[in-house]
């Protein structure tokens, strides 16, 4: 299952956005308001939204200043979340989040709308930073 956020323009350089998102603890500041738990380590973070199971994401790939890939540490819920960063100018960048998960059709049907809302919220909060 592949989901995409809208592409947003952020009034920061691609390097600034990359540096912000590559520090996994900063994801706490862009999470939805209904976050129930957030714990960050050096290269991973664990979070839970109200009514949802805990999810841990770990840095899998960094391609400065263009791409950051986070991957789930759960074998039951295998997915990646990629931040694509494209520089417009010294002070402006386009950012888009891409979700790629391998779920059976029943699970995919159940999680598609909440996941789309989640990545849309993340990108909206990135746009505000």
C-alpha atoms as a PDB file:
ATOM      1  CA  UNK A   1       0.000   0.000   0.000  1.00  0.00           C
ATOM      2  CA  UNK A   2       1.424   3.350  -1.066  1.00  0.00           C
ATOM      3  CA  UNK A   3       0.207   6.691   0.248  1.00  0.00           C
ATOM      4  CA  UNK A   4       1.461  10.189  -0.498  1.00  0.00           C
ATOM      5  CA  UNK A   5       1.060  13.456   1.346  1.00  0.00           C
ATOM      6  CA  UNK A   6       0.520  16.634  -0.593  1.00  0.00           C
ATOM      7  CA  UNK A   7       3.785  18.308  -1.613  1.00  0.00           C
ATOM      8  CA  UNK A   8       4.222  21.446   0.498  1.00  0.00           C
ATOM      9  CA  UNK A   9       6.548  24.412   0.228  1.00  0.00           C
ATOM     10  CA  UNK A  10       8.491  25.214   3.379  1.00  0.00           C
ATOM     11  CA  UNK A  11      10.303  28.509   3.836  1.00  0.00           C
ATOM     12  CA  UNK A  12      13.576  26.825   4.799  1.00  0.00           C
ATOM     13  CA  UNK A  13      16.507  25.475   2.816  1.00  0.00           C
ATOM     14  CA  UNK A  14      16.600  21.770   2.008  1.00  0.00           C
ATOM     15  CA  UNK A  15      19.559  21.446   4.383  1.00  0.00           C
ATOM     16  CA  UNK A  16      17.584  22.990   7.274  1.00  0.00           C
ATOM     17  CA  UNK A  17      14.626  20.665   6.663  1.00  0.00           C
ATOM     18  CA  UNK A  18      16.916  17.654   6.313  1.00  0.00           C
ATOM     19  CA  UNK A  19      18.764  18.479   9.546  1.00  0.00           C
ATOM     20  CA  UNK A  20      15.464  18.947  11.392  1.00  0.00           C
ATOM     21  CA  UNK A  21      13.914  15.668  10.215  1.00  0.00           C
ATOM     22  CA  UNK A  22      17.088  13.611  10.585  1.00  0.00           C
ATOM     23  CA  UNK A  23      17.010  14.277  14.357  1.00  0.00           C
ATOM     24  CA  UNK A  24      14.302  11.753  15.199  1.00  0.00           C
ATOM     25  CA  UNK A  25      13.390  13.515  18.448  1.00  0.00           C
ATOM     26  CA  UNK A  26      12.028  16.421  16.385  1.00  0.00           C
ATOM     27  CA  UNK A  27       9.190  14.215  15.158  1.00  0.00           C
ATOM     28  CA  UNK A  28       7.535  14.800  18.539  1.00  0.00           C
ATOM     29  CA  UNK A  29       6.929  18.420  17.444  1.00  0.00           C
ATOM     30  CA  UNK A  30       5.144  17.456  14.220  1.00  0.00           C
ATOM     31  CA  UNK A  31       2.979  14.638  15.597  1.00  0.00           C
ATOM     32  CA  UNK A  32      -0.826  14.976  15.687  1.00  0.00           C
ATOM     33  CA  UNK A  33      -2.397  16.472  18.809  1.00  0.00           C
ATOM     34  CA  UNK A  34      -3.814  13.097  19.872  1.00  0.00           C
ATOM     35  CA  UNK A  35      -0.370  11.674  20.633  1.00  0.00           C
ATOM     36  CA  UNK A  36      -0.425   9.500  23.728  1.00  0.00           C
ATOM     37  CA  UNK A  37       3.266   8.572  23.985  1.00  0.00           C
ATOM     38  CA  UNK A  38       6.574   9.599  22.433  1.00  0.00           C
ATOM     39  CA  UNK A  39      10.056   8.316  23.275  1.00  0.00           C
ATOM     40  CA  UNK A  40      13.109   9.126  21.172  1.00  0.00           C
ATOM     41  CA  UNK A  41      16.497   7.462  21.054  1.00  0.00           C
ATOM     42  CA  UNK A  42      19.554   8.239  18.954  1.00  0.00           C
ATOM     43  CA  UNK A  43      18.247   6.797  15.663  1.00  0.00           C
ATOM     44  CA  UNK A  44      14.687   5.720  16.447  1.00  0.00           C
ATOM     45  CA  UNK A  45      11.519   6.852  18.128  1.00  0.00           C
ATOM     46  CA  UNK A  46       8.471   5.130  19.563  1.00  0.00           C
ATOM     47  CA  UNK A  47       5.052   6.734  19.484  1.00  0.00           C
ATOM     48  CA  UNK A  48       1.433   5.907  20.146  1.00  0.00           C
ATOM     49  CA  UNK A  49      -1.686   7.782  19.147  1.00  0.00           C
ATOM     50  CA  UNK A  50      -4.795   7.472  21.306  1.00  0.00           C
ATOM     51  CA  UNK A  51      -6.524   4.182  20.507  1.00  0.00           C
ATOM     52  CA  UNK A  52      -3.662   2.879  18.355  1.00  0.00           C
ATOM     53  CA  UNK A  53      -0.816   0.447  19.100  1.00  0.00           C
ATOM     54  CA  UNK A  54       2.726   1.684  19.732  1.00  0.00           C
ATOM     55  CA  UNK A  55       4.879   2.038  16.623  1.00  0.00           C
ATOM     56  CA  UNK A  56       8.651   2.322  16.533  1.00  0.00           C
ATOM     57  CA  UNK A  57      10.406   3.913  13.569  1.00  0.00           C
ATOM     58  CA  UNK A  58      14.139   3.740  12.940  1.00  0.00           C
ATOM     59  CA  UNK A  59      16.340   5.698  10.546  1.00  0.00           C
ATOM     60  CA  UNK A  60      17.006   3.360   7.609  1.00  0.00           C
ATOM     61  CA  UNK A  61      18.513   5.678   5.001  1.00  0.00           C
ATOM     62  CA  UNK A  62      19.731   9.256   4.863  1.00  0.00           C
ATOM     63  CA  UNK A  63      20.671  10.978   1.623  1.00  0.00           C
ATOM     64  CA  UNK A  64      21.586  14.549   2.603  1.00  0.00           C
ATOM     65  CA  UNK A  65      19.874  16.891   1.923  1.00  0.00           C
ATOM     66  CA  UNK A  66      17.278  15.134  -0.247  1.00  0.00           C
ATOM     67  CA  UNK A  67      15.830  12.081   1.479  1.00  0.00           C
ATOM     68  CA  UNK A  68      15.224  10.499   4.869  1.00  0.00           C
ATOM     69  CA  UNK A  69      13.751   7.005   5.154  1.00  0.00           C
ATOM     70  CA  UNK A  70      12.297   5.740   8.417  1.00  0.00           C
ATOM     71  CA  UNK A  71      11.300   2.093   8.737  1.00  0.00           C
ATOM     72  CA  UNK A  72       9.075   0.244  11.148  1.00  0.00           C
ATOM     73  CA  UNK A  73      10.854  -2.100  13.544  1.00  0.00           C
ATOM     74  CA  UNK A  74       7.792  -4.398  13.744  1.00  0.00           C
ATOM     75  CA  UNK A  75       7.582  -7.480  11.542  1.00  0.00           C
ATOM     76  CA  UNK A  76       3.794  -7.466  12.011  1.00  0.00           C
ATOM     77  CA  UNK A  77       3.487  -3.940  10.638  1.00  0.00           C
ATOM     78  CA  UNK A  78       6.232  -3.555   7.982  1.00  0.00           C
ATOM     79  CA  UNK A  79       6.344  -0.120   6.380  1.00  0.00           C
ATOM     80  CA  UNK A  80       8.581   2.814   5.555  1.00  0.00           C
ATOM     81  CA  UNK A  81       8.002   6.547   5.723  1.00  0.00           C
ATOM     82  CA  UNK A  82      10.112   8.621   3.342  1.00  0.00           C
ATOM     83  CA  UNK A  83      10.613  12.377   3.409  1.00  0.00           C
ATOM     84  CA  UNK A  84      11.502  13.664  -0.055  1.00  0.00           C
ATOM     85  CA  UNK A  85      13.060  17.127   0.073  1.00  0.00           C
ATOM     86  CA  UNK A  86      13.554  19.226  -3.053  1.00  0.00           C
ATOM     87  CA  UNK A  87      15.269  22.613  -2.893  1.00  0.00           C
ATOM     88  CA  UNK A  88      13.541  25.537  -4.620  1.00  0.00           C
ATOM     89  CA  UNK A  89      15.971  28.260  -3.538  1.00  0.00           C
ATOM     90  CA  UNK A  90      18.353  29.032  -0.688  1.00  0.00           C
ATOM     91  CA  UNK A  91      15.369  29.653   1.588  1.00  0.00           C
ATOM     92  CA  UNK A  92      12.580  27.472   0.169  1.00  0.00           C
ATOM     93  CA  UNK A  93      12.036  23.729  -0.299  1.00  0.00           C
ATOM     94  CA  UNK A  94       9.309  21.327  -1.336  1.00  0.00           C
ATOM     95  CA  UNK A  95       8.682  18.423   1.027  1.00  0.00           C
ATOM     96  CA  UNK A  96       6.532  15.332   0.518  1.00  0.00           C
ATOM     97  CA  UNK A  97       6.000  12.263   2.697  1.00  0.00           C
ATOM     98  CA  UNK A  98       5.622   8.826   1.115  1.00  0.00           C
ATOM     99  CA  UNK A  99       4.267   5.815   2.987  1.00  0.00           C
ATOM    100  CA  UNK A 100       4.975   2.304   1.701  1.00  0.00           C
ATOM    101  CA  UNK A 101       3.577  -0.658   3.626  1.00  0.00           C
ATOM    102  CA  UNK A 102       3.027  -4.344   3.030  1.00  0.00           C
ATOM    103  CA  UNK A 103      -0.349  -5.286   4.481  1.00  0.00           C
ATOM    104  CA  UNK A 104      -2.948  -7.854   3.617  1.00  0.00           C
ATOM    105  CA  UNK A 105      -5.996  -6.362   1.843  1.00  0.00           C
ATOM    106  CA  UNK A 106      -8.203  -6.439   4.961  1.00  0.00           C
ATOM    107  CA  UNK A 107      -5.662  -4.595   7.119  1.00  0.00           C
ATOM    108  CA  UNK A 108      -4.913  -2.160   4.282  1.00  0.00           C
ATOM    109  CA  UNK A 109      -8.602  -1.291   4.022  1.00  0.00           C
ATOM    110  CA  UNK A 110      -8.809  -0.645   7.783  1.00  0.00           C
ATOM    111  CA  UNK A 111      -5.671   1.501   8.101  1.00  0.00           C
ATOM    112  CA  UNK A 112      -5.695   3.459   4.837  1.00  0.00           C
ATOM    113  CA  UNK A 113      -7.788   6.451   5.996  1.00  0.00           C
ATOM    114  CA  UNK A 114      -6.142   6.844   9.439  1.00  0.00           C
ATOM    115  CA  UNK A 115      -2.666   6.560   7.877  1.00  0.00           C
ATOM    116  CA  UNK A 116      -3.485   9.117   5.182  1.00  0.00           C
ATOM    117  CA  UNK A 117      -4.765  11.495   7.859  1.00  0.00           C
ATOM    118  CA  UNK A 118      -1.599  10.872   9.896  1.00  0.00           C
ATOM    119  CA  UNK A 119       0.842  11.683   7.075  1.00  0.00           C
ATOM    120  CA  UNK A 120      -1.271  14.683   6.031  1.00  0.00           C
ATOM    121  CA  UNK A 121      -1.041  15.987   9.608  1.00  0.00           C
ATOM    122  CA  UNK A 122       2.727  15.423   9.690  1.00  0.00           C
ATOM    123  CA  UNK A 123       3.267  17.305   6.430  1.00  0.00           C
ATOM    124  CA  UNK A 124       0.994  20.132   7.564  1.00  0.00           C
ATOM    125  CA  UNK A 125       3.014  20.469  10.759  1.00  0.00           C
ATOM    126  CA  UNK A 126       6.298  20.380   8.806  1.00  0.00           C
ATOM    127  CA  UNK A 127       4.946  23.203   6.653  1.00  0.00           C
ATOM    128  CA  UNK A 128       4.344  25.278   9.823  1.00  0.00           C
ATOM    129  CA  UNK A 129       7.903  24.777  11.192  1.00  0.00           C
END
